């Protein structure tokens, strides 16, 4: 059974981040949301990020995106 890939969304900026590889649920790979509380972030599916025109992807987390 496949595990769904999740992303961490900052709803304030509509930016999706990759989670860290460790077991930290809401810690981003780039570290940009280190001070954000859990009520300021949302866990969303990778499919939601890929299909939404409104959600930007973090340039530090995703290799195929430029910028921060």
PDB file of N, CA and C in Angstrom:
ATOM      1  N   UNK A   1       0.842  -1.171   0.000  1.00  0.00           N
ATOM      2  CA  UNK A   1       0.000   0.000   0.000  1.00  0.00           C
ATOM      3  C   UNK A   1       0.895   1.244   0.000  1.00  0.00           C
ATOM      4  N   UNK A   2       0.627   2.176  -0.900  1.00  0.00           N
ATOM      5  CA  UNK A   2       1.441   3.385  -1.021  1.00  0.00           C
ATOM      6  C   UNK A   2       1.082   4.400   0.054  1.00  0.00           C
ATOM      7  N   UNK A   3       2.107   5.082   0.522  1.00  0.00           N
ATOM      8  CA  UNK A   3       1.911   6.132   1.503  1.00  0.00           C
ATOM      9  C   UNK A   3       1.792   7.461   0.771  1.00  0.00           C
ATOM     10  N   UNK A   4       0.802   8.251   1.146  1.00  0.00           N
ATOM     11  CA  UNK A   4       0.611   9.553   0.510  1.00  0.00           C
ATOM     12  C   UNK A   4       1.744  10.491   0.913  1.00  0.00           C
ATOM     13  N   UNK A   5       2.245  11.235  -0.056  1.00  0.00           N
ATOM     14  CA  UNK A   5       3.281  12.215   0.205  1.00  0.00           C
ATOM     15  C   UNK A   5       2.603  13.483   0.714  1.00  0.00           C
ATOM     16  N   UNK A   6       3.106  14.008   1.815  1.00  0.00           N
ATOM     17  CA  UNK A   6       2.512  15.216   2.374  1.00  0.00           C
ATOM     18  C   UNK A   6       3.461  16.397   2.253  1.00  0.00           C
ATOM     19  N   UNK A   7       2.889  17.553   2.304  1.00  0.00           N
ATOM     20  CA  UNK A   7       3.626  18.806   2.277  1.00  0.00           C
ATOM     21  C   UNK A   7       3.119  19.677   3.411  1.00  0.00           C
ATOM     22  N   UNK A   8       3.913  20.654   3.793  1.00  0.00           N
ATOM     23  CA  UNK A   8       3.533  21.595   4.841  1.00  0.00           C
ATOM     24  C   UNK A   8       3.186  22.911   4.163  1.00  0.00           C
ATOM     25  N   UNK A   9       1.974  23.370   4.379  1.00  0.00           N
ATOM     26  CA  UNK A   9       1.506  24.598   3.749  1.00  0.00           C
ATOM     27  C   UNK A   9       1.487  25.745   4.747  1.00  0.00           C
ATOM     28  N   UNK A  10       2.054  26.862   4.337  1.00  0.00           N
ATOM     29  CA  UNK A  10       1.937  28.101   5.090  1.00  0.00           C
ATOM     30  C   UNK A  10       0.769  28.851   4.457  1.00  0.00           C
ATOM     31  N   UNK A  11      -0.411  28.825   5.076  1.00  0.00           N
ATOM     32  CA  UNK A  11      -1.578  29.464   4.472  1.00  0.00           C
ATOM     33  C   UNK A  11      -1.463  30.989   4.366  1.00  0.00           C
ATOM     34  N   UNK A  12      -0.598  31.586   5.172  1.00  0.00           N
ATOM     35  CA  UNK A  12      -0.401  33.039   5.108  1.00  0.00           C
ATOM     36  C   UNK A  12       0.194  33.448   3.761  1.00  0.00           C
ATOM     37  N   UNK A  13       1.116  32.638   3.265  1.00  0.00           N
ATOM     38  CA  UNK A  13       1.807  32.961   2.010  1.00  0.00           C
ATOM     39  C   UNK A  13       1.410  32.027   0.861  1.00  0.00           C
ATOM     40  N   UNK A  14       0.589  31.020   1.147  1.00  0.00           N
ATOM     41  CA  UNK A  14       0.224  29.990   0.173  1.00  0.00           C
ATOM     42  C   UNK A  14       1.456  29.317  -0.418  1.00  0.00           C
ATOM     43  N   UNK A  15       2.438  29.032   0.444  1.00  0.00           N
ATOM     44  CA  UNK A  15       3.670  28.383   0.020  1.00  0.00           C
ATOM     45  C   UNK A  15       3.754  26.988   0.632  1.00  0.00           C
ATOM     46  N   UNK A  16       4.034  26.005  -0.218  1.00  0.00           N
ATOM     47  CA  UNK A  16       4.180  24.622   0.233  1.00  0.00           C
ATOM     48  C   UNK A  16       5.654  24.303   0.426  1.00  0.00           C
ATOM     49  N   UNK A  17       5.937  23.541   1.476  1.00  0.00           N
ATOM     50  CA  UNK A  17       7.302  23.143   1.819  1.00  0.00           C
ATOM     51  C   UNK A  17       7.366  21.625   1.958  1.00  0.00           C
ATOM     52  N   UNK A  18       8.552  21.072   1.714  1.00  0.00           N
ATOM     53  CA  UNK A  18       8.783  19.658   1.994  1.00  0.00           C
ATOM     54  C   UNK A  18       9.056  19.506   3.483  1.00  0.00           C
ATOM     55  N   UNK A  19       8.543  18.441   4.087  1.00  0.00           N
ATOM     56  CA  UNK A  19       8.885  18.191   5.491  1.00  0.00           C
ATOM     57  C   UNK A  19      10.307  17.644   5.608  1.00  0.00           C
ATOM     58  N   UNK A  20      10.894  17.780   6.791  1.00  0.00           N
ATOM     59  CA  UNK A  20      12.209  17.188   7.053  1.00  0.00           C
ATOM     60  C   UNK A  20      12.127  15.678   6.910  1.00  0.00           C
ATOM     61  N   UNK A  21      13.247  15.054   6.687  1.00  0.00           N
ATOM     62  CA  UNK A  21      13.285  13.599   6.561  1.00  0.00           C
ATOM     63  C   UNK A  21      13.190  12.893   7.901  1.00  0.00           C
ATOM     64  N   UNK A  22      13.396  13.633   8.985  1.00  0.00           N
ATOM     65  CA  UNK A  22      13.288  12.993  10.291  1.00  0.00           C
ATOM     66  C   UNK A  22      11.804  12.864  10.667  1.00  0.00           C
ATOM     67  N   UNK A  23      11.520  12.520  11.860  1.00  0.00           N
ATOM     68  CA  UNK A  23      10.140  12.283  12.279  1.00  0.00           C
ATOM     69  C   UNK A  23       9.405  13.548  12.721  1.00  0.00           C
ATOM     70  N   UNK A  24       9.992  14.710  12.509  1.00  0.00           N
ATOM     71  CA  UNK A  24       9.336  15.964  12.871  1.00  0.00           C
ATOM     72  C   UNK A  24       8.165  16.205  11.925  1.00  0.00           C
ATOM     73  N   UNK A  25       6.985  16.266  12.458  1.00  0.00           N
ATOM     74  CA  UNK A  25       5.788  16.340  11.635  1.00  0.00           C
ATOM     75  C   UNK A  25       5.685  17.659  10.869  1.00  0.00           C
ATOM     76  N   UNK A  26       5.971  18.756  11.503  1.00  0.00           N
ATOM     77  CA  UNK A  26       5.774  20.044  10.841  1.00  0.00           C
ATOM     78  C   UNK A  26       7.048  20.863  10.707  1.00  0.00           C
ATOM     79  N   UNK A  27       8.194  20.207  10.662  1.00  0.00           N
ATOM     80  CA  UNK A  27       9.449  20.896  10.437  1.00  0.00           C
ATOM     81  C   UNK A  27       9.781  20.811   8.958  1.00  0.00           C
ATOM     82  N   UNK A  28      10.043  21.950   8.335  1.00  0.00           N
ATOM     83  CA  UNK A  28      10.308  21.969   6.899  1.00  0.00           C
ATOM     84  C   UNK A  28      11.770  21.666   6.605  1.00  0.00           C
ATOM     85  N   UNK A  29      12.011  21.161   5.407  1.00  0.00           N
ATOM     86  CA  UNK A  29      13.374  20.843   4.979  1.00  0.00           C
ATOM     87  C   UNK A  29      14.242  22.094   4.922  1.00  0.00           C
ATOM     88  N   UNK A  30      13.643  23.240   4.562  1.00  0.00           N
ATOM     89  CA  UNK A  30      14.412  24.482   4.446  1.00  0.00           C
ATOM     90  C   UNK A  30      14.532  25.234   5.764  1.00  0.00           C
ATOM     91  N   UNK A  31      13.718  24.863   6.745  1.00  0.00           N
ATOM     92  CA  UNK A  31      13.778  25.508   8.050  1.00  0.00           C
ATOM     93  C   UNK A  31      13.028  26.819   8.159  1.00  0.00           C
ATOM     94  N   UNK A  32      12.320  27.211   7.130  1.00  0.00           N
ATOM     95  CA  UNK A  32      11.694  28.535   7.147  1.00  0.00           C
ATOM     96  C   UNK A  32      10.526  28.662   8.117  1.00  0.00           C
ATOM     97  N   UNK A  33       9.906  27.579   8.502  1.00  0.00           N
ATOM     98  CA  UNK A  33       8.754  27.659   9.404  1.00  0.00           C
ATOM     99  C   UNK A  33       9.098  27.211  10.817  1.00  0.00           C
ATOM    100  N   UNK A  34      10.372  27.288  11.181  1.00  0.00           N
ATOM    101  CA  UNK A  34      10.826  26.792  12.479  1.00  0.00           C
ATOM    102  C   UNK A  34      10.128  27.495  13.637  1.00  0.00           C
ATOM    103  N   UNK A  35       9.753  28.745  13.478  1.00  0.00           N
ATOM    104  CA  UNK A  35       9.090  29.466  14.564  1.00  0.00           C
ATOM    105  C   UNK A  35       7.572  29.479  14.432  1.00  0.00           C
ATOM    106  N   UNK A  36       7.039  28.926  13.356  1.00  0.00           N
ATOM    107  CA  UNK A  36       5.590  28.909  13.159  1.00  0.00           C
ATOM    108  C   UNK A  36       4.943  27.867  14.061  1.00  0.00           C
ATOM    109  N   UNK A  37       3.852  28.238  14.687  1.00  0.00           N
ATOM    110  CA  UNK A  37       3.124  27.301  15.530  1.00  0.00           C
ATOM    111  C   UNK A  37       2.251  26.405  14.656  1.00  0.00           C
ATOM    112  N   UNK A  38       1.838  25.270  15.199  1.00  0.00           N
ATOM    113  CA  UNK A  38       1.053  24.303  14.436  1.00  0.00           C
ATOM    114  C   UNK A  38      -0.248  24.884  13.901  1.00  0.00           C
ATOM    115  N   UNK A  39      -0.817  25.849  14.594  1.00  0.00           N
ATOM    116  CA  UNK A  39      -2.061  26.437  14.105  1.00  0.00           C
ATOM    117  C   UNK A  39      -1.832  27.394  12.937  1.00  0.00           C
ATOM    118  N   UNK A  40      -0.583  27.678  12.622  1.00  0.00           N
ATOM    119  CA  UNK A  40      -0.239  28.553  11.493  1.00  0.00           C
ATOM    120  C   UNK A  40       0.185  27.774  10.247  1.00  0.00           C
ATOM    121  N   UNK A  41       0.194  26.452  10.331  1.00  0.00           N
ATOM    122  CA  UNK A  41       0.551  25.616   9.181  1.00  0.00           C
ATOM    123  C   UNK A  41      -0.516  24.553   8.976  1.00  0.00           C
ATOM    124  N   UNK A  42      -0.529  23.975   7.785  1.00  0.00           N
ATOM    125  CA  UNK A  42      -1.450  22.876   7.487  1.00  0.00           C
ATOM    126  C   UNK A  42      -0.692  21.785   6.752  1.00  0.00           C
ATOM    127  N   UNK A  43      -1.095  20.562   7.000  1.00  0.00           N
ATOM    128  CA  UNK A  43      -0.554  19.425   6.259  1.00  0.00           C
ATOM    129  C   UNK A  43      -1.478  19.188   5.067  1.00  0.00           C
ATOM    130  N   UNK A  44      -0.911  19.150   3.869  1.00  0.00           N
ATOM    131  CA  UNK A  44      -1.691  18.923   2.654  1.00  0.00           C
ATOM    132  C   UNK A  44      -1.007  17.834   1.824  1.00  0.00           C
ATOM    133  N   UNK A  45      -1.742  17.264   0.910  1.00  0.00           N
ATOM    134  CA  UNK A  45      -1.170  16.228   0.053  1.00  0.00           C
ATOM    135  C   UNK A  45      -0.330  16.864  -1.056  1.00  0.00           C
ATOM    136  N   UNK A  46       0.605  16.097  -1.568  1.00  0.00           N
ATOM    137  CA  UNK A  46       1.417  16.554  -2.685  1.00  0.00           C
ATOM    138  C   UNK A  46       0.532  16.806  -3.901  1.00  0.00           C
ATOM    139  N   UNK A  47      -0.491  15.998  -4.058  1.00  0.00           N
ATOM    140  CA  UNK A  47      -1.422  16.173  -5.186  1.00  0.00           C
ATOM    141  C   UNK A  47      -2.120  17.535  -5.101  1.00  0.00           C
ATOM    142  N   UNK A  48      -2.515  17.942  -3.911  1.00  0.00           N
ATOM    143  CA  UNK A  48      -3.143  19.253  -3.735  1.00  0.00           C
ATOM    144  C   UNK A  48      -2.196  20.356  -4.167  1.00  0.00           C
ATOM    145  N   UNK A  49      -0.941  20.239  -3.798  1.00  0.00           N
ATOM    146  CA  UNK A  49       0.062  21.245  -4.170  1.00  0.00           C
ATOM    147  C   UNK A  49       0.260  21.263  -5.677  1.00  0.00           C
ATOM    148  N   UNK A  50       0.364  20.093  -6.281  1.00  0.00           N
ATOM    149  CA  UNK A  50       0.621  20.013  -7.724  1.00  0.00           C
ATOM    150  C   UNK A  50      -0.549  20.512  -8.562  1.00  0.00           C
ATOM    151  N   UNK A  51      -1.771  20.355  -8.076  1.00  0.00           N
ATOM    152  CA  UNK A  51      -2.940  20.706  -8.883  1.00  0.00           C
ATOM    153  C   UNK A  51      -3.515  22.088  -8.572  1.00  0.00           C
ATOM    154  N   UNK A  52      -3.036  22.742  -7.549  1.00  0.00           N
ATOM    155  CA  UNK A  52      -3.556  24.061  -7.187  1.00  0.00           C
ATOM    156  C   UNK A  52      -2.760  25.163  -7.863  1.00  0.00           C
ATOM    157  N   UNK A  53      -3.464  26.040  -8.542  1.00  0.00           N
ATOM    158  CA  UNK A  53      -2.809  27.194  -9.163  1.00  0.00           C
ATOM    159  C   UNK A  53      -2.468  28.260  -8.121  1.00  0.00           C
ATOM    160  N   UNK A  54      -3.106  28.205  -6.965  1.00  0.00           N
ATOM    161  CA  UNK A  54      -2.912  29.232  -5.929  1.00  0.00           C
ATOM    162  C   UNK A  54      -1.723  28.948  -5.023  1.00  0.00           C
ATOM    163  N   UNK A  55      -1.277  27.702  -4.946  1.00  0.00           N
ATOM    164  CA  UNK A  55      -0.197  27.335  -4.033  1.00  0.00           C
ATOM    165  C   UNK A  55       1.148  27.392  -4.754  1.00  0.00           C
ATOM    166  N   UNK A  56       2.064  28.161  -4.195  1.00  0.00           N
ATOM    167  CA  UNK A  56       3.438  28.235  -4.695  1.00  0.00           C
ATOM    168  C   UNK A  56       4.279  27.186  -3.972  1.00  0.00           C
ATOM    169  N   UNK A  57       5.339  26.720  -4.599  1.00  0.00           N
ATOM    170  CA  UNK A  57       6.260  25.791  -3.952  1.00  0.00           C
ATOM    171  C   UNK A  57       7.531  26.523  -3.561  1.00  0.00           C
ATOM    172  N   UNK A  58       8.043  26.216  -2.390  1.00  0.00           N
ATOM    173  CA  UNK A  58       9.258  26.851  -1.863  1.00  0.00           C
ATOM    174  C   UNK A  58      10.460  26.517  -2.749  1.00  0.00           C
ATOM    175  N   UNK A  59      11.181  27.545  -3.156  1.00  0.00           N
ATOM    176  CA  UNK A  59      12.364  27.350  -3.990  1.00  0.00           C
ATOM    177  C   UNK A  59      13.519  26.694  -3.267  1.00  0.00           C
ATOM    178  N   UNK A  60      13.520  26.763  -1.940  1.00  0.00           N
ATOM    179  CA  UNK A  60      14.572  26.095  -1.172  1.00  0.00           C
ATOM    180  C   UNK A  60      14.269  24.610  -0.973  1.00  0.00           C
ATOM    181  N   UNK A  61      13.008  24.254  -0.984  1.00  0.00           N
ATOM    182  CA  UNK A  61      12.611  22.857  -0.770  1.00  0.00           C
ATOM    183  C   UNK A  61      12.529  22.054  -2.066  1.00  0.00           C
ATOM    184  N   UNK A  62      12.165  22.709  -3.147  1.00  0.00           N
ATOM    185  CA  UNK A  62      11.949  22.022  -4.423  1.00  0.00           C
ATOM    186  C   UNK A  62      13.005  22.463  -5.432  1.00  0.00           C
ATOM    187  N   UNK A  63      13.710  21.496  -5.996  1.00  0.00           N
ATOM    188  CA  UNK A  63      14.810  21.776  -6.920  1.00  0.00           C
ATOM    189  C   UNK A  63      14.365  22.447  -8.217  1.00  0.00           C
ATOM    190  N   UNK A  64      13.146  22.177  -8.650  1.00  0.00           N
ATOM    191  CA  UNK A  64      12.699  22.710  -9.938  1.00  0.00           C
ATOM    192  C   UNK A  64      12.007  24.070  -9.831  1.00  0.00           C
ATOM    193  N   UNK A  65      12.119  24.715  -8.671  1.00  0.00           N
ATOM    194  CA  UNK A  65      11.506  26.028  -8.449  1.00  0.00           C
ATOM    195  C   UNK A  65      12.608  26.997  -8.053  1.00  0.00           C
ATOM    196  N   UNK A  66      12.575  28.198  -8.614  1.00  0.00           N
ATOM    197  CA  UNK A  66      13.580  29.190  -8.233  1.00  0.00           C
ATOM    198  C   UNK A  66      12.998  30.142  -7.198  1.00  0.00           C
ATOM    199  N   UNK A  67      13.869  30.777  -6.469  1.00  0.00           N
ATOM    200  CA  UNK A  67      13.434  31.743  -5.460  1.00  0.00           C
ATOM    201  C   UNK A  67      13.296  31.112  -4.104  1.00  0.00           C
ATOM    202  N   UNK A  68      12.833  31.912  -3.146  1.00  0.00           N
ATOM    203  CA  UNK A  68      12.693  31.443  -1.777  1.00  0.00           C
ATOM    204  C   UNK A  68      11.291  30.973  -1.544  1.00  0.00           C
TER     205      UNK A  68
END
